[in-house]
Amino acid sequence: MIKNTLFLLLSLAMSNPASAGMTAAQKEAGETGAILFKQSDWYDSQPFLNIAAEAGDRDAQYYLGEAIRLSQRYVTPDAKKWYEASVRPKRQAVFTSFSTTNSSIRCSMVSNQQ
């Protein structure tokens, strides 16, 4: 268990180039938020993820968008903002809306042009 947690923390810290300009407290908040998110604690993860997301951590931005969507049960404007922010530097397409229709998930994609 300890090895898995350590591996998770190290992989999160190394996987995000935006984390290079973050303070130790911001990195720790992102790691704590990601751990809470992965434990399905979508409400309590949001304050931690928000700290790291505001600092530019793309993983935290994505997790925050997901945490908001899962806790609100739909994509709010805030969730959409964080989804888009998480991919903006990559200039990739982003899923912008999720809705449940007849027990299926419908996703629409838009190009992330700046």
N, C-alpha and C. Protein backbone atom coordinates (compact mmCIF):
# COMPACT_ATOMS: atom_id res chain seq x y z
N MET A 1 0.82 -1.20 0.00
CA MET A 1 0.00 0.00 0.00
C MET A 1 0.86 1.26 0.00
N ILE A 2 1.90 1.27 0.85
CA ILE A 2 2.78 2.43 0.93
C ILE A 2 3.53 2.61 -0.38
N LYS A 3 3.96 1.48 -0.99
CA LYS A 3 4.67 1.58 -2.27
C LYS A 3 3.76 2.16 -3.35
N ASN A 4 2.49 1.73 -3.37
CA ASN A 4 1.54 2.24 -4.36
C ASN A 4 1.30 3.73 -4.17
N THR A 5 1.15 4.16 -2.93
CA THR A 5 0.92 5.58 -2.66
C THR A 5 2.14 6.41 -3.05
N LEU A 6 3.34 5.91 -2.71
CA LEU A 6 4.56 6.62 -3.07
C LEU A 6 4.70 6.70 -4.58
N PHE A 7 4.43 5.59 -5.28
CA PHE A 7 4.50 5.60 -6.74
C PHE A 7 3.52 6.60 -7.33
N LEU A 8 2.30 6.64 -6.79
CA LEU A 8 1.29 7.58 -7.27
C LEU A 8 1.76 9.02 -7.10
N LEU A 9 2.28 9.33 -5.94
CA LEU A 9 2.74 10.69 -5.67
C LEU A 9 3.91 11.07 -6.58
N LEU A 10 4.85 10.17 -6.77
CA LEU A 10 5.99 10.45 -7.65
C LEU A 10 5.56 10.60 -9.10
N SER A 11 4.67 9.74 -9.56
CA SER A 11 4.22 9.84 -10.95
C SER A 11 3.43 11.10 -11.19
N LEU A 12 2.63 11.52 -10.22
CA LEU A 12 1.90 12.78 -10.38
C LEU A 12 2.86 13.97 -10.45
N ALA A 13 3.86 13.96 -9.61
CA ALA A 13 4.81 15.07 -9.57
C ALA A 13 5.63 15.15 -10.85
N MET A 14 5.95 14.01 -11.45
CA MET A 14 6.81 13.99 -12.61
C MET A 14 6.05 14.09 -13.93
N SER A 15 4.75 13.83 -13.92
CA SER A 15 4.00 13.77 -15.17
C SER A 15 3.53 15.12 -15.67
N ASN A 16 3.66 16.15 -14.89
CA ASN A 16 3.09 17.44 -15.24
C ASN A 16 4.16 18.51 -15.31
N PRO A 17 4.57 18.92 -16.52
CA PRO A 17 5.61 19.93 -16.62
C PRO A 17 5.21 21.27 -16.00
N ALA A 18 3.93 21.55 -15.90
CA ALA A 18 3.48 22.81 -15.30
C ALA A 18 3.80 22.86 -13.81
N SER A 19 4.01 21.69 -13.21
CA SER A 19 4.28 21.65 -11.79
C SER A 19 5.66 22.21 -11.44
N ALA A 20 6.51 22.42 -12.42
CA ALA A 20 7.85 22.93 -12.16
C ALA A 20 7.82 24.33 -11.55
N GLY A 21 6.84 25.15 -11.91
CA GLY A 21 6.76 26.50 -11.39
C GLY A 21 5.87 26.65 -10.17
N MET A 22 5.47 25.54 -9.59
CA MET A 22 4.55 25.58 -8.45
C MET A 22 5.31 25.52 -7.14
N THR A 23 4.73 26.07 -6.10
CA THR A 23 5.32 25.98 -4.77
C THR A 23 5.09 24.57 -4.22
N ALA A 24 5.81 24.25 -3.18
CA ALA A 24 5.64 22.93 -2.55
C ALA A 24 4.23 22.75 -2.01
N ALA A 25 3.66 23.82 -1.46
CA ALA A 25 2.29 23.74 -0.92
C ALA A 25 1.28 23.49 -2.03
N GLN A 26 1.48 24.12 -3.19
CA GLN A 26 0.57 23.92 -4.32
C GLN A 26 0.68 22.50 -4.85
N LYS A 27 1.90 21.98 -4.95
CA LYS A 27 2.09 20.59 -5.40
C LYS A 27 1.44 19.62 -4.43
N GLU A 28 1.66 19.86 -3.14
CA GLU A 28 1.08 18.97 -2.13
C GLU A 28 -0.44 19.01 -2.17
N ALA A 29 -1.00 20.19 -2.39
CA ALA A 29 -2.47 20.31 -2.49
C ALA A 29 -2.98 19.51 -3.68
N GLY A 30 -2.28 19.59 -4.82
CA GLY A 30 -2.68 18.83 -5.99
C GLY A 30 -2.62 17.33 -5.76
N GLU A 31 -1.56 16.89 -5.08
CA GLU A 31 -1.40 15.47 -4.79
C GLU A 31 -2.49 14.99 -3.83
N THR A 32 -2.76 15.79 -2.80
CA THR A 32 -3.82 15.43 -1.84
C THR A 32 -5.17 15.39 -2.54
N GLY A 33 -5.44 16.39 -3.37
CA GLY A 33 -6.70 16.42 -4.10
C GLY A 33 -6.87 15.23 -5.03
N ALA A 34 -5.78 14.84 -5.71
CA ALA A 34 -5.84 13.69 -6.62
C ALA A 34 -6.11 12.40 -5.84
N ILE A 35 -5.48 12.26 -4.69
CA ILE A 35 -5.71 11.07 -3.87
C ILE A 35 -7.16 11.01 -3.41
N LEU A 36 -7.69 12.14 -2.93
CA LEU A 36 -9.09 12.18 -2.50
C LEU A 36 -10.03 11.89 -3.67
N PHE A 37 -9.72 12.47 -4.84
CA PHE A 37 -10.55 12.25 -6.02
C PHE A 37 -10.59 10.76 -6.37
N LYS A 38 -9.43 10.11 -6.35
CA LYS A 38 -9.36 8.70 -6.71
C LYS A 38 -10.02 7.80 -5.67
N GLN A 39 -10.30 8.35 -4.50
CA GLN A 39 -11.07 7.63 -3.48
C GLN A 39 -12.55 7.98 -3.58
N SER A 40 -12.95 8.62 -4.67
CA SER A 40 -14.33 9.04 -4.94
C SER A 40 -14.83 10.08 -3.94
N ASP A 41 -13.93 10.84 -3.38
CA ASP A 41 -14.30 11.92 -2.46
C ASP A 41 -14.30 13.24 -3.24
N TRP A 42 -15.30 13.38 -4.11
CA TRP A 42 -15.34 14.49 -5.05
C TRP A 42 -15.55 15.84 -4.38
N TYR A 43 -16.24 15.87 -3.27
CA TYR A 43 -16.48 17.14 -2.58
C TYR A 43 -15.23 17.63 -1.86
N ASP A 44 -14.64 16.77 -1.05
CA ASP A 44 -13.48 17.18 -0.26
C ASP A 44 -12.23 17.39 -1.10
N SER A 45 -12.17 16.80 -2.29
CA SER A 45 -11.00 16.97 -3.15
C SER A 45 -10.96 18.35 -3.81
N GLN A 46 -12.11 19.00 -3.96
CA GLN A 46 -12.18 20.24 -4.73
C GLN A 46 -11.35 21.40 -4.18
N PRO A 47 -11.35 21.67 -2.87
CA PRO A 47 -10.51 22.78 -2.39
C PRO A 47 -9.02 22.55 -2.66
N PHE A 48 -8.55 21.32 -2.49
CA PHE A 48 -7.15 21.01 -2.74
C PHE A 48 -6.83 21.12 -4.24
N LEU A 49 -7.70 20.54 -5.06
CA LEU A 49 -7.49 20.60 -6.50
C LEU A 49 -7.54 22.03 -7.02
N ASN A 50 -8.39 22.85 -6.43
CA ASN A 50 -8.51 24.23 -6.87
C ASN A 50 -7.19 24.99 -6.66
N ILE A 51 -6.51 24.74 -5.55
CA ILE A 51 -5.23 25.41 -5.28
C ILE A 51 -4.23 25.08 -6.39
N ALA A 52 -4.10 23.80 -6.70
CA ALA A 52 -3.15 23.39 -7.74
C ALA A 52 -3.61 23.80 -9.13
N ALA A 53 -4.92 23.75 -9.38
CA ALA A 53 -5.45 24.13 -10.70
C ALA A 53 -5.20 25.61 -10.98
N GLU A 54 -5.41 26.44 -9.98
CA GLU A 54 -5.16 27.88 -10.14
C GLU A 54 -3.68 28.15 -10.42
N ALA A 55 -2.80 27.27 -9.94
CA ALA A 55 -1.36 27.44 -10.15
C ALA A 55 -0.92 26.91 -11.51
N GLY A 56 -1.84 26.29 -12.26
CA GLY A 56 -1.53 25.83 -13.61
C GLY A 56 -1.28 24.35 -13.76
N ASP A 57 -1.55 23.56 -12.75
CA ASP A 57 -1.36 22.12 -12.81
C ASP A 57 -2.47 21.52 -13.67
N ARG A 58 -2.10 21.00 -14.85
CA ARG A 58 -3.10 20.50 -15.79
C ARG A 58 -3.83 19.26 -15.28
N ASP A 59 -3.12 18.40 -14.56
CA ASP A 59 -3.78 17.22 -14.00
C ASP A 59 -4.83 17.65 -12.98
N ALA A 60 -4.48 18.59 -12.12
CA ALA A 60 -5.43 19.09 -11.12
C ALA A 60 -6.61 19.78 -11.80
N GLN A 61 -6.36 20.48 -12.90
CA GLN A 61 -7.45 21.14 -13.63
C GLN A 61 -8.44 20.11 -14.15
N TYR A 62 -7.92 19.02 -14.70
CA TYR A 62 -8.81 17.97 -15.21
C TYR A 62 -9.58 17.31 -14.06
N TYR A 63 -8.85 16.92 -13.01
CA TYR A 63 -9.50 16.28 -11.86
C TYR A 63 -10.55 17.21 -11.24
N LEU A 64 -10.26 18.51 -11.19
CA LEU A 64 -11.22 19.45 -10.63
C LEU A 64 -12.48 19.52 -11.49
N GLY A 65 -12.31 19.56 -12.81
CA GLY A 65 -13.47 19.53 -13.70
C GLY A 65 -14.31 18.28 -13.49
N GLU A 66 -13.63 17.14 -13.36
CA GLU A 66 -14.34 15.88 -13.12
C GLU A 66 -15.02 15.88 -11.75
N ALA A 67 -14.33 16.37 -10.73
CA ALA A 67 -14.91 16.40 -9.38
C ALA A 67 -16.17 17.27 -9.34
N ILE A 68 -16.11 18.40 -10.03
CA ILE A 68 -17.29 19.28 -10.08
C ILE A 68 -18.42 18.59 -10.82
N ARG A 69 -18.10 17.97 -11.97
CA ARG A 69 -19.13 17.28 -12.75
C ARG A 69 -19.77 16.16 -11.95
N LEU A 70 -18.95 15.36 -11.30
CA LEU A 70 -19.48 14.21 -10.55
C LEU A 70 -20.28 14.66 -9.33
N SER A 71 -19.86 15.72 -8.66
CA SER A 71 -20.59 16.17 -7.47
C SER A 71 -21.88 16.90 -7.83
N GLN A 72 -21.90 17.56 -8.99
CA GLN A 72 -23.10 18.29 -9.42
C GLN A 72 -24.00 17.45 -10.34
N ARG A 73 -23.47 16.35 -10.84
CA ARG A 73 -24.17 15.41 -11.73
C ARG A 73 -24.41 15.95 -13.14
N TYR A 74 -23.73 17.02 -13.49
CA TYR A 74 -23.74 17.52 -14.86
C TYR A 74 -22.57 18.48 -15.03
N VAL A 75 -22.29 18.86 -16.26
CA VAL A 75 -21.16 19.76 -16.52
C VAL A 75 -21.62 21.19 -16.27
N THR A 76 -21.10 21.77 -15.24
CA THR A 76 -21.39 23.17 -14.92
C THR A 76 -20.42 24.05 -15.71
N PRO A 77 -20.68 25.35 -15.79
CA PRO A 77 -19.71 26.24 -16.44
C PRO A 77 -18.32 26.16 -15.79
N ASP A 78 -18.27 25.97 -14.48
CA ASP A 78 -16.99 25.82 -13.79
C ASP A 78 -16.26 24.56 -14.23
N ALA A 79 -16.97 23.45 -14.32
CA ALA A 79 -16.36 22.19 -14.76
C ALA A 79 -15.82 22.34 -16.18
N LYS A 80 -16.62 22.95 -17.05
CA LYS A 80 -16.20 23.16 -18.44
C LYS A 80 -14.94 24.02 -18.48
N LYS A 81 -14.87 25.05 -17.65
CA LYS A 81 -13.69 25.94 -17.60
C LYS A 81 -12.44 25.13 -17.27
N TRP A 82 -12.54 24.23 -16.29
CA TRP A 82 -11.36 23.46 -15.88
C TRP A 82 -11.00 22.38 -16.89
N TYR A 83 -12.00 21.77 -17.55
CA TYR A 83 -11.69 20.81 -18.62
C TYR A 83 -10.89 21.52 -19.72
N GLU A 84 -11.38 22.67 -20.13
CA GLU A 84 -10.72 23.40 -21.21
C GLU A 84 -9.33 23.86 -20.80
N ALA A 85 -9.18 24.32 -19.57
CA ALA A 85 -7.87 24.76 -19.10
C ALA A 85 -6.87 23.61 -19.08
N SER A 86 -7.35 22.40 -18.79
CA SER A 86 -6.44 21.26 -18.68
C SER A 86 -5.82 20.87 -20.00
N VAL A 87 -6.43 21.21 -21.12
CA VAL A 87 -5.87 20.86 -22.43
C VAL A 87 -5.42 22.05 -23.25
N ARG A 88 -5.68 23.24 -22.81
CA ARG A 88 -5.34 24.43 -23.59
C ARG A 88 -3.88 24.46 -24.04
N PRO A 89 -2.91 24.19 -23.17
CA PRO A 89 -1.52 24.24 -23.64
C PRO A 89 -1.19 23.21 -24.71
N LYS A 90 -1.94 22.14 -24.76
CA LYS A 90 -1.67 21.08 -25.74
C LYS A 90 -2.35 21.35 -27.09
N ARG A 91 -3.29 22.29 -27.11
CA ARG A 91 -4.08 22.59 -28.31
C ARG A 91 -4.74 21.33 -28.87
N GLN A 92 -5.37 20.58 -27.99
CA GLN A 92 -6.07 19.38 -28.39
C GLN A 92 -7.57 19.61 -28.27
N ALA A 93 -8.31 18.69 -28.83
CA ALA A 93 -9.77 18.77 -28.67
C ALA A 93 -10.12 18.40 -27.24
N VAL A 94 -11.22 18.95 -26.76
CA VAL A 94 -11.64 18.68 -25.39
C VAL A 94 -13.11 18.29 -25.39
N PHE A 95 -13.45 17.36 -24.52
CA PHE A 95 -14.85 17.03 -24.34
C PHE A 95 -15.47 18.16 -23.55
N THR A 96 -16.53 18.76 -24.09
CA THR A 96 -17.10 19.91 -23.42
C THR A 96 -18.46 19.68 -22.80
N SER A 97 -19.14 18.66 -23.21
CA SER A 97 -20.42 18.43 -22.55
C SER A 97 -20.69 16.96 -22.42
N PHE A 98 -21.17 16.60 -21.26
CA PHE A 98 -21.53 15.23 -20.96
C PHE A 98 -22.98 15.28 -20.50
N SER A 99 -23.79 14.42 -21.04
CA SER A 99 -25.15 14.35 -20.54
C SER A 99 -25.64 12.91 -20.66
N THR A 100 -26.48 12.53 -19.76
CA THR A 100 -27.02 11.18 -19.79
C THR A 100 -28.36 11.21 -20.50
N THR A 101 -28.45 10.41 -21.55
CA THR A 101 -29.69 10.31 -22.31
C THR A 101 -29.98 8.84 -22.53
N ASN A 102 -31.09 8.38 -22.03
CA ASN A 102 -31.48 6.97 -22.18
C ASN A 102 -30.36 6.02 -21.76
N SER A 103 -29.77 6.28 -20.61
CA SER A 103 -28.72 5.44 -20.04
C SER A 103 -27.44 5.39 -20.87
N SER A 104 -27.28 6.29 -21.78
CA SER A 104 -26.03 6.35 -22.54
C SER A 104 -25.40 7.73 -22.34
N ILE A 105 -24.12 7.80 -22.52
CA ILE A 105 -23.43 9.08 -22.36
C ILE A 105 -23.19 9.68 -23.73
N ARG A 106 -23.59 10.90 -23.89
CA ARG A 106 -23.37 11.62 -25.13
C ARG A 106 -22.29 12.65 -24.88
N CYS A 107 -21.28 12.66 -25.71
CA CYS A 107 -20.19 13.62 -25.56
C CYS A 107 -20.09 14.42 -26.84
N SER A 108 -19.87 15.70 -26.70
CA SER A 108 -19.60 16.51 -27.88
C SER A 108 -18.21 17.09 -27.73
N MET A 109 -17.52 17.20 -28.85
CA MET A 109 -16.16 17.70 -28.83
C MET A 109 -16.09 18.99 -29.63
N VAL A 110 -15.25 19.89 -29.17
CA VAL A 110 -14.98 21.09 -29.94
C VAL A 110 -13.48 21.25 -30.02
N SER A 111 -13.04 21.92 -31.05
CA SER A 111 -11.62 22.18 -31.18
C SER A 111 -11.23 23.25 -30.20
N ASN A 112 -10.11 23.09 -29.55
CA ASN A 112 -9.66 24.04 -28.55
C ASN A 112 -8.74 25.07 -29.22
N GLN A 113 -9.31 25.98 -29.93
CA GLN A 113 -8.56 27.03 -30.62
C GLN A 113 -8.42 28.24 -29.72
N GLN A 114 -7.25 28.81 -29.70
CA GLN A 114 -7.05 30.03 -28.89
C GLN A 114 -7.00 31.24 -29.78
